[in-house]
Amino acid sequence: LLGLALDADIVFDLHCDSEALLHLYASRWQQDDAQTLGAELGAAAVLLEEEPGGHPFDEACAGPWWKLRAALEKEGPIPLACFAATVELRGQADVNDACAQADAAALLRFLQRRGVIAGEPGPLPEPRCIPTPLEGVDVLSAPAAGVLVYQQVLGAVVQAGEVVAELVDPLGEPLGAARTPIRSTTRGVLFAR
């Protein structure tokens, strides 16, 4: 796939998360494009990355341009020749024709806005969110084995310290009812779980 995408000006790495609202990851240096794409798709979260870690596909395509720009910053601004974004198209259970049709139409409108394909995209929808740094994501981890019971639904605005889920220890005391709360350390929208 990288061989096919290497010379592309725009790369969409399309996925479905386990259980999620539509969200995307893109370079912090291309915030305007990321915000436009997020508005077009109705993204619940637009996460801007500088060093995403894990060598994601979007970084493999656009990252060389970020590094070239940094290496040659004294030469003047180097245009970022590739906009790449990882788009999480909701959760695996949300795959259906209606969502696929709406998402495809939104991606085509984004390409029309960029002048890649002909057509009039119409007015840009109001964004559902403002882009935020990837470092601001609160990844919650279970402290032990057990059964995870969510106390918050996708899309909920969670406050710092609020219980997001409880870990049930089926062998704990009292038997089957021992629960450990898992709390958020920040305020924000619960967009994936």
N, C-alpha and C. Protein backbone atom coordinates (compact mmCIF):
# COMPACT_ATOMS: atom_id res chain seq x y z
N LEU A 1 0.82 -1.20 0.00
CA LEU A 1 0.00 0.00 0.00
C LEU A 1 0.86 1.25 0.00
N LEU A 2 1.97 1.22 0.73
CA LEU A 2 2.83 2.39 0.77
C LEU A 2 3.39 2.70 -0.62
N GLY A 3 3.73 1.67 -1.37
CA GLY A 3 4.22 1.88 -2.73
C GLY A 3 3.19 2.57 -3.61
N LEU A 4 1.92 2.28 -3.40
CA LEU A 4 0.86 2.93 -4.17
C LEU A 4 0.60 4.36 -3.69
N ALA A 5 0.82 4.61 -2.41
CA ALA A 5 0.48 5.91 -1.82
C ALA A 5 1.64 6.89 -1.79
N LEU A 6 2.85 6.41 -2.04
CA LEU A 6 4.05 7.22 -1.82
C LEU A 6 4.05 8.55 -2.54
N ASP A 7 3.52 8.62 -3.74
CA ASP A 7 3.55 9.88 -4.49
C ASP A 7 2.21 10.60 -4.48
N ALA A 8 1.32 10.21 -3.58
CA ALA A 8 -0.01 10.82 -3.52
C ALA A 8 0.05 12.17 -2.80
N ASP A 9 -0.78 13.10 -3.26
CA ASP A 9 -0.93 14.39 -2.59
C ASP A 9 -1.87 14.30 -1.41
N ILE A 10 -2.81 13.38 -1.45
CA ILE A 10 -3.79 13.18 -0.38
C ILE A 10 -3.92 11.68 -0.12
N VAL A 11 -3.84 11.31 1.15
CA VAL A 11 -3.95 9.90 1.54
C VAL A 11 -4.96 9.79 2.68
N PHE A 12 -5.97 8.94 2.49
CA PHE A 12 -6.92 8.62 3.55
C PHE A 12 -6.66 7.18 3.98
N ASP A 13 -6.31 6.99 5.23
CA ASP A 13 -6.14 5.66 5.81
C ASP A 13 -7.43 5.38 6.56
N LEU A 14 -8.31 4.58 5.98
CA LEU A 14 -9.66 4.37 6.50
C LEU A 14 -9.73 3.11 7.34
N HIS A 15 -10.31 3.25 8.53
CA HIS A 15 -10.43 2.15 9.49
C HIS A 15 -11.78 2.20 10.16
N CYS A 16 -12.09 1.14 10.89
CA CYS A 16 -13.15 1.16 11.89
C CYS A 16 -12.51 0.77 13.21
N ASP A 17 -12.77 1.55 14.24
CA ASP A 17 -12.27 1.26 15.58
C ASP A 17 -13.13 0.15 16.18
N SER A 18 -12.83 -0.27 17.39
CA SER A 18 -13.65 -1.30 18.04
C SER A 18 -15.07 -0.78 18.26
N GLU A 19 -15.17 0.32 19.00
CA GLU A 19 -16.45 0.97 19.27
C GLU A 19 -16.13 2.45 19.37
N ALA A 20 -16.66 3.25 18.45
CA ALA A 20 -16.24 4.65 18.42
C ALA A 20 -17.20 5.53 17.64
N LEU A 21 -17.08 6.83 17.90
CA LEU A 21 -17.67 7.84 17.04
C LEU A 21 -16.65 8.11 15.94
N LEU A 22 -17.09 8.69 14.84
CA LEU A 22 -16.17 9.01 13.76
C LEU A 22 -15.14 10.03 14.26
N HIS A 23 -13.86 9.72 14.10
CA HIS A 23 -12.78 10.63 14.48
C HIS A 23 -11.61 10.44 13.54
N LEU A 24 -10.69 11.41 13.56
CA LEU A 24 -9.54 11.30 12.65
C LEU A 24 -8.28 11.83 13.30
N TYR A 25 -7.16 11.37 12.74
CA TYR A 25 -5.82 11.78 13.16
C TYR A 25 -5.13 12.40 11.96
N ALA A 26 -4.44 13.52 12.17
CA ALA A 26 -3.69 14.17 11.10
C ALA A 26 -2.56 14.98 11.72
N SER A 27 -1.70 15.49 10.87
CA SER A 27 -0.54 16.25 11.30
C SER A 27 -0.94 17.60 11.87
N ARG A 28 -0.28 18.01 12.92
CA ARG A 28 -0.55 19.33 13.50
C ARG A 28 -0.16 20.43 12.53
N TRP A 29 0.74 20.13 11.57
CA TRP A 29 1.16 21.12 10.59
C TRP A 29 0.13 21.32 9.48
N GLN A 30 -0.89 20.48 9.47
CA GLN A 30 -1.95 20.58 8.46
C GLN A 30 -3.31 20.68 9.13
N GLN A 31 -3.36 21.48 10.16
CA GLN A 31 -4.57 21.63 10.97
C GLN A 31 -5.76 22.10 10.14
N ASP A 32 -5.55 23.04 9.22
CA ASP A 32 -6.67 23.55 8.43
C ASP A 32 -7.31 22.45 7.58
N ASP A 33 -6.47 21.65 6.91
CA ASP A 33 -7.00 20.54 6.12
C ASP A 33 -7.70 19.52 7.01
N ALA A 34 -7.11 19.25 8.17
CA ALA A 34 -7.71 18.29 9.10
C ALA A 34 -9.07 18.79 9.59
N GLN A 35 -9.15 20.08 9.89
CA GLN A 35 -10.41 20.64 10.37
C GLN A 35 -11.47 20.60 9.27
N THR A 36 -11.07 20.90 8.03
CA THR A 36 -12.01 20.82 6.91
C THR A 36 -12.51 19.40 6.71
N LEU A 37 -11.59 18.43 6.73
CA LEU A 37 -11.98 17.03 6.58
C LEU A 37 -12.90 16.60 7.72
N GLY A 38 -12.57 17.02 8.95
CA GLY A 38 -13.40 16.68 10.10
C GLY A 38 -14.79 17.26 9.99
N ALA A 39 -14.88 18.51 9.53
CA ALA A 39 -16.20 19.14 9.37
C ALA A 39 -17.00 18.41 8.30
N GLU A 40 -16.34 18.08 7.20
CA GLU A 40 -17.03 17.41 6.09
C GLU A 40 -17.58 16.06 6.54
N LEU A 41 -16.80 15.32 7.34
CA LEU A 41 -17.20 13.99 7.80
C LEU A 41 -18.10 14.02 9.04
N GLY A 42 -18.18 15.17 9.71
CA GLY A 42 -18.93 15.23 10.96
C GLY A 42 -18.19 14.55 12.10
N ALA A 43 -16.87 14.67 12.11
CA ALA A 43 -16.04 13.99 13.11
C ALA A 43 -16.31 14.51 14.51
N ALA A 44 -16.37 13.59 15.46
CA ALA A 44 -16.55 13.95 16.87
C ALA A 44 -15.23 14.39 17.49
N ALA A 45 -14.11 14.00 16.89
CA ALA A 45 -12.78 14.40 17.38
C ALA A 45 -11.82 14.47 16.19
N VAL A 46 -11.02 15.53 16.17
CA VAL A 46 -9.93 15.69 15.21
C VAL A 46 -8.67 15.81 16.04
N LEU A 47 -7.81 14.80 15.95
CA LEU A 47 -6.63 14.71 16.79
C LEU A 47 -5.39 15.05 15.97
N LEU A 48 -4.66 16.04 16.43
CA LEU A 48 -3.47 16.51 15.71
C LEU A 48 -2.23 15.91 16.34
N GLU A 49 -1.43 15.28 15.51
CA GLU A 49 -0.25 14.57 15.99
C GLU A 49 1.03 15.26 15.51
N GLU A 50 2.05 15.18 16.36
CA GLU A 50 3.38 15.64 15.97
C GLU A 50 4.28 14.42 15.81
N GLU A 51 4.33 13.60 16.81
CA GLU A 51 5.04 12.33 16.76
C GLU A 51 4.06 11.26 17.25
N PRO A 52 3.26 10.70 16.34
CA PRO A 52 2.18 9.82 16.79
C PRO A 52 2.64 8.52 17.42
N GLY A 53 3.81 8.04 17.08
CA GLY A 53 4.29 6.77 17.62
C GLY A 53 3.59 5.60 16.95
N GLY A 54 4.27 4.48 16.91
CA GLY A 54 3.70 3.27 16.31
C GLY A 54 3.79 3.23 14.80
N HIS A 55 4.39 4.22 14.18
CA HIS A 55 4.58 4.28 12.73
C HIS A 55 3.29 4.07 11.94
N PRO A 56 2.27 4.93 12.17
CA PRO A 56 1.02 4.78 11.43
C PRO A 56 1.21 5.12 9.95
N PHE A 57 0.28 4.65 9.15
CA PHE A 57 0.35 4.82 7.70
C PHE A 57 0.32 6.29 7.29
N ASP A 58 -0.50 7.10 7.98
CA ASP A 58 -0.56 8.52 7.60
C ASP A 58 0.79 9.19 7.82
N GLU A 59 1.49 8.84 8.88
CA GLU A 59 2.83 9.41 9.12
C GLU A 59 3.83 8.91 8.07
N ALA A 60 3.71 7.66 7.66
CA ALA A 60 4.63 7.12 6.65
C ALA A 60 4.51 7.90 5.34
N CYS A 61 3.31 8.39 5.04
CA CYS A 61 3.08 9.13 3.80
C CYS A 61 3.42 10.62 3.92
N ALA A 62 2.99 11.25 5.00
CA ALA A 62 3.17 12.69 5.14
C ALA A 62 4.41 13.05 5.96
N GLY A 63 4.86 12.15 6.81
CA GLY A 63 5.98 12.42 7.71
C GLY A 63 7.27 12.86 7.03
N PRO A 64 7.64 12.26 5.89
CA PRO A 64 8.87 12.73 5.24
C PRO A 64 8.83 14.23 4.91
N TRP A 65 7.65 14.75 4.61
CA TRP A 65 7.53 16.18 4.29
C TRP A 65 7.70 17.02 5.54
N TRP A 66 7.19 16.56 6.70
CA TRP A 66 7.39 17.30 7.96
C TRP A 66 8.89 17.36 8.27
N LYS A 67 9.57 16.21 8.09
CA LYS A 67 10.99 16.12 8.42
C LYS A 67 11.82 16.94 7.44
N LEU A 68 11.47 16.94 6.17
CA LEU A 68 12.17 17.75 5.17
C LEU A 68 12.01 19.23 5.49
N ARG A 69 10.82 19.63 5.84
CA ARG A 69 10.58 21.03 6.20
C ARG A 69 11.43 21.43 7.40
N ALA A 70 11.49 20.58 8.41
CA ALA A 70 12.30 20.89 9.60
C ALA A 70 13.78 20.95 9.27
N ALA A 71 14.25 20.03 8.44
CA ALA A 71 15.67 19.99 8.09
C ALA A 71 16.10 21.18 7.24
N LEU A 72 15.18 21.72 6.46
CA LEU A 72 15.52 22.81 5.54
C LEU A 72 14.85 24.13 5.93
N GLU A 73 14.52 24.29 7.21
CA GLU A 73 13.78 25.48 7.62
C GLU A 73 14.53 26.78 7.32
N LYS A 74 15.86 26.75 7.29
CA LYS A 74 16.63 27.96 6.99
C LYS A 74 16.56 28.32 5.51
N GLU A 75 16.16 27.38 4.68
CA GLU A 75 16.04 27.61 3.23
C GLU A 75 14.74 28.32 2.87
N GLY A 76 13.82 28.38 3.81
CA GLY A 76 12.51 28.96 3.54
C GLY A 76 11.45 27.90 3.70
N PRO A 77 10.18 28.28 3.69
CA PRO A 77 9.13 27.28 3.92
C PRO A 77 9.04 26.27 2.78
N ILE A 78 9.07 25.02 3.16
CA ILE A 78 8.91 23.91 2.22
C ILE A 78 7.44 23.51 2.25
N PRO A 79 6.74 23.49 1.11
CA PRO A 79 5.34 23.07 1.14
C PRO A 79 5.21 21.60 1.53
N LEU A 80 4.19 21.33 2.30
CA LEU A 80 3.91 19.94 2.67
C LEU A 80 3.14 19.32 1.50
N ALA A 81 3.80 18.47 0.75
CA ALA A 81 3.25 17.97 -0.51
C ALA A 81 2.26 16.83 -0.34
N CYS A 82 2.04 16.38 0.88
CA CYS A 82 1.08 15.29 1.11
C CYS A 82 0.27 15.58 2.36
N PHE A 83 -1.04 15.57 2.21
CA PHE A 83 -1.93 15.59 3.37
C PHE A 83 -2.41 14.17 3.58
N ALA A 84 -2.10 13.61 4.74
CA ALA A 84 -2.53 12.25 5.06
C ALA A 84 -3.28 12.27 6.39
N ALA A 85 -4.33 11.49 6.46
CA ALA A 85 -5.13 11.41 7.68
C ALA A 85 -5.60 9.97 7.87
N THR A 86 -5.60 9.55 9.12
CA THR A 86 -6.22 8.29 9.49
C THR A 86 -7.64 8.62 9.93
N VAL A 87 -8.60 8.00 9.29
CA VAL A 87 -10.01 8.26 9.58
C VAL A 87 -10.61 6.98 10.17
N GLU A 88 -11.07 7.09 11.41
CA GLU A 88 -11.75 5.97 12.07
C GLU A 88 -13.24 6.14 11.82
N LEU A 89 -13.77 5.32 10.95
CA LEU A 89 -15.16 5.42 10.51
C LEU A 89 -16.08 4.69 11.50
N ARG A 90 -16.13 5.27 12.70
CA ARG A 90 -16.95 4.74 13.79
C ARG A 90 -16.41 3.40 14.26
N GLY A 91 -17.34 2.51 14.74
CA GLY A 91 -16.92 1.21 15.25
C GLY A 91 -17.23 0.10 14.27
N GLN A 92 -16.69 -1.07 14.55
CA GLN A 92 -16.85 -2.22 13.66
C GLN A 92 -18.31 -2.62 13.50
N ALA A 93 -19.11 -2.40 14.51
CA ALA A 93 -20.53 -2.76 14.43
C ALA A 93 -21.35 -1.71 13.67
N ASP A 94 -20.71 -0.59 13.30
CA ASP A 94 -21.41 0.49 12.62
C ASP A 94 -21.26 0.45 11.11
N VAL A 95 -20.73 -0.62 10.58
CA VAL A 95 -20.55 -0.73 9.13
C VAL A 95 -21.90 -1.02 8.49
N ASN A 96 -22.36 -0.07 7.68
CA ASN A 96 -23.63 -0.27 6.98
C ASN A 96 -23.63 0.61 5.73
N ASP A 97 -24.55 0.35 4.84
CA ASP A 97 -24.59 1.08 3.57
C ASP A 97 -24.84 2.56 3.74
N ALA A 98 -25.71 2.95 4.67
CA ALA A 98 -26.03 4.37 4.84
C ALA A 98 -24.81 5.16 5.29
N CYS A 99 -24.09 4.63 6.28
CA CYS A 99 -22.87 5.32 6.74
C CYS A 99 -21.81 5.35 5.64
N ALA A 100 -21.65 4.23 4.94
CA ALA A 100 -20.64 4.17 3.87
C ALA A 100 -20.94 5.17 2.78
N GLN A 101 -22.20 5.30 2.41
CA GLN A 101 -22.59 6.25 1.37
C GLN A 101 -22.34 7.69 1.82
N ALA A 102 -22.71 8.01 3.06
CA ALA A 102 -22.51 9.37 3.58
C ALA A 102 -21.02 9.68 3.72
N ASP A 103 -20.23 8.73 4.20
CA ASP A 103 -18.80 8.95 4.37
C ASP A 103 -18.11 9.12 3.02
N ALA A 104 -18.48 8.30 2.04
CA ALA A 104 -17.90 8.42 0.70
C ALA A 104 -18.23 9.78 0.09
N ALA A 105 -19.47 10.23 0.25
CA ALA A 105 -19.87 11.54 -0.28
C ALA A 105 -19.06 12.66 0.39
N ALA A 106 -18.83 12.54 1.70
CA ALA A 106 -18.05 13.56 2.42
C ALA A 106 -16.61 13.58 1.93
N LEU A 107 -16.02 12.40 1.71
CA LEU A 107 -14.64 12.35 1.20
C LEU A 107 -14.56 12.96 -0.20
N LEU A 108 -15.55 12.70 -1.03
CA LEU A 108 -15.57 13.30 -2.37
C LEU A 108 -15.71 14.82 -2.30
N ARG A 109 -16.53 15.32 -1.37
CA ARG A 109 -16.65 16.78 -1.22
C ARG A 109 -15.33 17.39 -0.76
N PHE A 110 -14.61 16.72 0.12
CA PHE A 110 -13.30 17.20 0.55
C PHE A 110 -12.37 17.30 -0.67
N LEU A 111 -12.38 16.26 -1.50
CA LEU A 111 -11.53 16.27 -2.70
C LEU A 111 -11.96 17.38 -3.66
N GLN A 112 -13.25 17.67 -3.75
CA GLN A 112 -13.71 18.78 -4.57
C GLN A 112 -13.19 20.11 -4.02
N ARG A 113 -13.22 20.27 -2.70
CA ARG A 113 -12.70 21.50 -2.09
C ARG A 113 -11.23 21.70 -2.38
N ARG A 114 -10.50 20.61 -2.49
CA ARG A 114 -9.06 20.68 -2.79
C ARG A 114 -8.79 20.79 -4.29
N GLY A 115 -9.84 20.72 -5.12
CA GLY A 115 -9.65 20.85 -6.57
C GLY A 115 -9.15 19.59 -7.24
N VAL A 116 -9.23 18.47 -6.55
CA VAL A 116 -8.75 17.20 -7.10
C VAL A 116 -9.75 16.61 -8.09
N ILE A 117 -11.04 16.76 -7.78
CA ILE A 117 -12.08 16.29 -8.69
C ILE A 117 -13.06 17.44 -8.94
N ALA A 118 -13.73 17.36 -10.06
CA ALA A 118 -14.66 18.43 -10.45
C ALA A 118 -15.93 18.35 -9.61
N GLY A 119 -16.61 19.46 -9.54
CA GLY A 119 -17.90 19.50 -8.86
C GLY A 119 -17.92 20.58 -7.80
N GLU A 120 -19.12 20.94 -7.43
CA GLU A 120 -19.33 21.97 -6.41
C GLU A 120 -19.71 21.28 -5.10
N PRO A 121 -18.86 21.39 -4.07
CA PRO A 121 -19.13 20.68 -2.82
C PRO A 121 -20.22 21.31 -1.96
N GLY A 122 -20.61 22.53 -2.26
CA GLY A 122 -21.59 23.21 -1.41
C GLY A 122 -20.92 23.78 -0.19
N PRO A 123 -21.71 24.37 0.70
CA PRO A 123 -21.11 24.98 1.90
C PRO A 123 -20.52 23.92 2.82
N LEU A 124 -19.43 24.31 3.48
CA LEU A 124 -18.79 23.42 4.45
C LEU A 124 -19.67 23.32 5.69
N PRO A 125 -19.97 22.09 6.14
CA PRO A 125 -20.76 21.95 7.37
C PRO A 125 -20.02 22.55 8.57
N GLU A 126 -20.78 22.95 9.56
CA GLU A 126 -20.18 23.42 10.81
C GLU A 126 -19.44 22.25 11.46
N PRO A 127 -18.21 22.45 11.91
CA PRO A 127 -17.50 21.35 12.58
C PRO A 127 -18.16 21.00 13.91
N ARG A 128 -18.10 19.71 14.24
CA ARG A 128 -18.66 19.24 15.52
C ARG A 128 -17.67 19.43 16.66
N CYS A 129 -16.39 19.72 16.31
CA CYS A 129 -15.36 19.84 17.33
C CYS A 129 -14.26 20.76 16.82
N ILE A 130 -13.39 21.16 17.72
CA ILE A 130 -12.18 21.85 17.31
C ILE A 130 -11.03 20.85 17.39
N PRO A 131 -10.04 20.97 16.51
CA PRO A 131 -8.92 20.03 16.59
C PRO A 131 -8.19 20.16 17.93
N THR A 132 -7.74 19.04 18.44
CA THR A 132 -7.02 19.01 19.71
C THR A 132 -5.75 18.17 19.56
N PRO A 133 -4.75 18.43 20.38
CA PRO A 133 -3.52 17.64 20.29
C PRO A 133 -3.76 16.19 20.69
N LEU A 134 -3.12 15.29 19.99
CA LEU A 134 -3.22 13.86 20.31
C LEU A 134 -2.78 13.60 21.74
N GLU A 135 -1.81 14.38 22.22
CA GLU A 135 -1.32 14.20 23.59
C GLU A 135 -2.41 14.44 24.63
N GLY A 136 -3.49 15.11 24.24
CA GLY A 136 -4.58 15.38 25.17
C GLY A 136 -5.53 14.22 25.36
N VAL A 137 -5.36 13.15 24.58
CA VAL A 137 -6.25 11.99 24.71
C VAL A 137 -5.93 11.25 26.00
N ASP A 138 -6.95 10.93 26.74
CA ASP A 138 -6.82 10.19 27.99
C ASP A 138 -7.11 8.72 27.69
N VAL A 139 -6.07 7.91 27.66
CA VAL A 139 -6.23 6.47 27.42
C VAL A 139 -6.32 5.79 28.78
N LEU A 140 -7.48 5.22 29.05
CA LEU A 140 -7.70 4.58 30.34
C LEU A 140 -7.34 3.11 30.26
N SER A 141 -6.68 2.62 31.29
CA SER A 141 -6.28 1.22 31.34
C SER A 141 -6.90 0.54 32.54
N ALA A 142 -7.28 -0.70 32.35
CA ALA A 142 -7.80 -1.50 33.45
C ALA A 142 -6.63 -1.92 34.34
N PRO A 143 -6.74 -1.78 35.65
CA PRO A 143 -5.63 -2.10 36.54
C PRO A 143 -5.44 -3.61 36.78
N ALA A 144 -6.40 -4.41 36.35
CA ALA A 144 -6.33 -5.85 36.58
C ALA A 144 -7.28 -6.54 35.59
N ALA A 145 -7.31 -7.85 35.64
CA ALA A 145 -8.24 -8.61 34.81
C ALA A 145 -9.63 -8.52 35.42
N GLY A 146 -10.64 -8.67 34.58
CA GLY A 146 -12.01 -8.63 35.07
C GLY A 146 -12.96 -8.34 33.92
N VAL A 147 -14.17 -8.01 34.27
CA VAL A 147 -15.21 -7.68 33.29
C VAL A 147 -15.39 -6.17 33.31
N LEU A 148 -15.24 -5.53 32.16
CA LEU A 148 -15.35 -4.09 32.06
C LEU A 148 -16.81 -3.70 31.83
N VAL A 149 -17.33 -2.81 32.67
CA VAL A 149 -18.70 -2.33 32.57
C VAL A 149 -18.63 -0.81 32.40
N TYR A 150 -19.00 -0.34 31.21
CA TYR A 150 -18.95 1.10 30.96
C TYR A 150 -20.08 1.81 31.68
N GLN A 151 -19.74 2.97 32.24
CA GLN A 151 -20.72 3.81 32.92
C GLN A 151 -21.04 5.06 32.10
N GLN A 152 -20.31 5.25 30.98
CA GLN A 152 -20.51 6.39 30.10
C GLN A 152 -20.74 5.88 28.67
N VAL A 153 -21.60 6.57 27.95
CA VAL A 153 -21.88 6.20 26.56
C VAL A 153 -20.97 7.00 25.63
N LEU A 154 -20.79 6.51 24.42
CA LEU A 154 -20.05 7.26 23.42
C LEU A 154 -20.72 8.62 23.21
N GLY A 155 -19.91 9.65 23.12
CA GLY A 155 -20.43 11.00 22.93
C GLY A 155 -20.64 11.76 24.23
N ALA A 156 -20.55 11.06 25.37
CA ALA A 156 -20.71 11.74 26.65
C ALA A 156 -19.54 12.69 26.89
N VAL A 157 -19.82 13.84 27.46
CA VAL A 157 -18.77 14.76 27.89
C VAL A 157 -18.42 14.37 29.32
N VAL A 158 -17.20 13.88 29.49
CA VAL A 158 -16.74 13.34 30.77
C VAL A 158 -15.86 14.38 31.45
N GLN A 159 -16.06 14.56 32.74
CA GLN A 159 -15.26 15.49 33.53
C GLN A 159 -14.08 14.76 34.15
N ALA A 160 -13.01 15.48 34.46
CA ALA A 160 -11.86 14.89 35.15
C ALA A 160 -12.34 14.30 36.47
N GLY A 161 -11.92 13.08 36.75
CA GLY A 161 -12.30 12.40 37.98
C GLY A 161 -13.59 11.60 37.89
N GLU A 162 -14.32 11.77 36.81
CA GLU A 162 -15.59 11.06 36.65
C GLU A 162 -15.35 9.59 36.29
N VAL A 163 -16.21 8.72 36.80
CA VAL A 163 -16.10 7.29 36.50
C VAL A 163 -16.55 7.04 35.06
N VAL A 164 -15.67 6.45 34.27
CA VAL A 164 -15.97 6.11 32.88
C VAL A 164 -16.44 4.66 32.80
N ALA A 165 -15.80 3.81 33.61
CA ALA A 165 -16.13 2.38 33.60
C ALA A 165 -15.82 1.80 34.97
N GLU A 166 -16.32 0.62 35.20
CA GLU A 166 -15.97 -0.11 36.41
C GLU A 166 -15.45 -1.49 36.00
N LEU A 167 -14.47 -1.95 36.72
CA LEU A 167 -13.90 -3.27 36.48
C LEU A 167 -14.47 -4.21 37.53
N VAL A 168 -15.22 -5.20 37.08
CA VAL A 168 -15.84 -6.16 37.99
C VAL A 168 -14.93 -7.37 38.12
N ASP A 169 -14.58 -7.68 39.37
CA ASP A 169 -13.78 -8.88 39.66
C ASP A 169 -14.76 -9.98 40.01
N PRO A 170 -14.98 -10.93 39.07
CA PRO A 170 -16.00 -11.96 39.32
C PRO A 170 -15.69 -12.86 40.51
N LEU A 171 -14.43 -12.90 40.96
CA LEU A 171 -14.06 -13.74 42.10
C LEU A 171 -13.80 -12.92 43.35
N GLY A 172 -13.98 -11.59 43.25
CA GLY A 172 -13.71 -10.71 44.39
C GLY A 172 -14.81 -10.77 45.43
N GLU A 173 -14.57 -10.11 46.54
CA GLU A 173 -15.54 -10.04 47.64
C GLU A 173 -16.23 -8.69 47.64
N PRO A 174 -17.54 -8.63 47.78
CA PRO A 174 -18.44 -9.77 47.79
C PRO A 174 -18.48 -10.45 46.42
N LEU A 175 -18.65 -11.72 46.43
CA LEU A 175 -18.55 -12.55 45.24
C LEU A 175 -19.38 -11.98 44.09
N GLY A 176 -18.71 -11.66 42.99
CA GLY A 176 -19.38 -11.17 41.79
C GLY A 176 -19.77 -9.71 41.82
N ALA A 177 -19.51 -9.02 42.94
CA ALA A 177 -19.94 -7.63 43.04
C ALA A 177 -18.78 -6.67 43.33
N ALA A 178 -17.55 -7.16 43.40
CA ALA A 178 -16.40 -6.29 43.68
C ALA A 178 -16.09 -5.46 42.45
N ARG A 179 -16.13 -4.13 42.59
CA ARG A 179 -15.94 -3.22 41.46
C ARG A 179 -14.84 -2.21 41.75
N THR A 180 -14.01 -1.96 40.74
CA THR A 180 -12.99 -0.94 40.82
C THR A 180 -13.33 0.15 39.82
N PRO A 181 -13.52 1.39 40.27
CA PRO A 181 -13.84 2.46 39.32
C PRO A 181 -12.62 2.84 38.48
N ILE A 182 -12.85 3.14 37.22
CA ILE A 182 -11.81 3.65 36.32
C ILE A 182 -12.24 5.06 35.95
N ARG A 183 -11.43 6.03 36.34
CA ARG A 183 -11.79 7.43 36.24
C ARG A 183 -11.01 8.15 35.14
N SER A 184 -11.65 9.15 34.57
CA SER A 184 -10.99 10.01 33.60
C SER A 184 -10.05 10.95 34.33
N THR A 185 -8.94 11.27 33.68
CA THR A 185 -8.01 12.24 34.27
C THR A 185 -8.14 13.61 33.59
N THR A 186 -9.03 13.71 32.61
CA THR A 186 -9.22 14.97 31.90
C THR A 186 -10.67 15.13 31.51
N ARG A 187 -11.02 16.34 31.05
CA ARG A 187 -12.37 16.61 30.57
C ARG A 187 -12.39 16.45 29.06
N GLY A 188 -13.44 15.84 28.53
CA GLY A 188 -13.56 15.72 27.08
C GLY A 188 -14.65 14.77 26.68
N VAL A 189 -14.76 14.59 25.37
CA VAL A 189 -15.79 13.72 24.78
C VAL A 189 -15.25 12.28 24.76
N LEU A 190 -16.07 11.36 25.21
CA LEU A 190 -15.72 9.94 25.10
C LEU A 190 -16.03 9.51 23.67
N PHE A 191 -14.99 9.43 22.83
CA PHE A 191 -15.22 9.17 21.41
C PHE A 191 -14.87 7.75 21.00
N ALA A 192 -14.19 7.00 21.86
CA ALA A 192 -13.85 5.60 21.53
C ALA A 192 -13.73 4.82 22.81
N ARG A 193 -14.08 3.55 22.73
CA ARG A 193 -13.91 2.66 23.88
C ARG A 193 -13.75 1.24 23.40
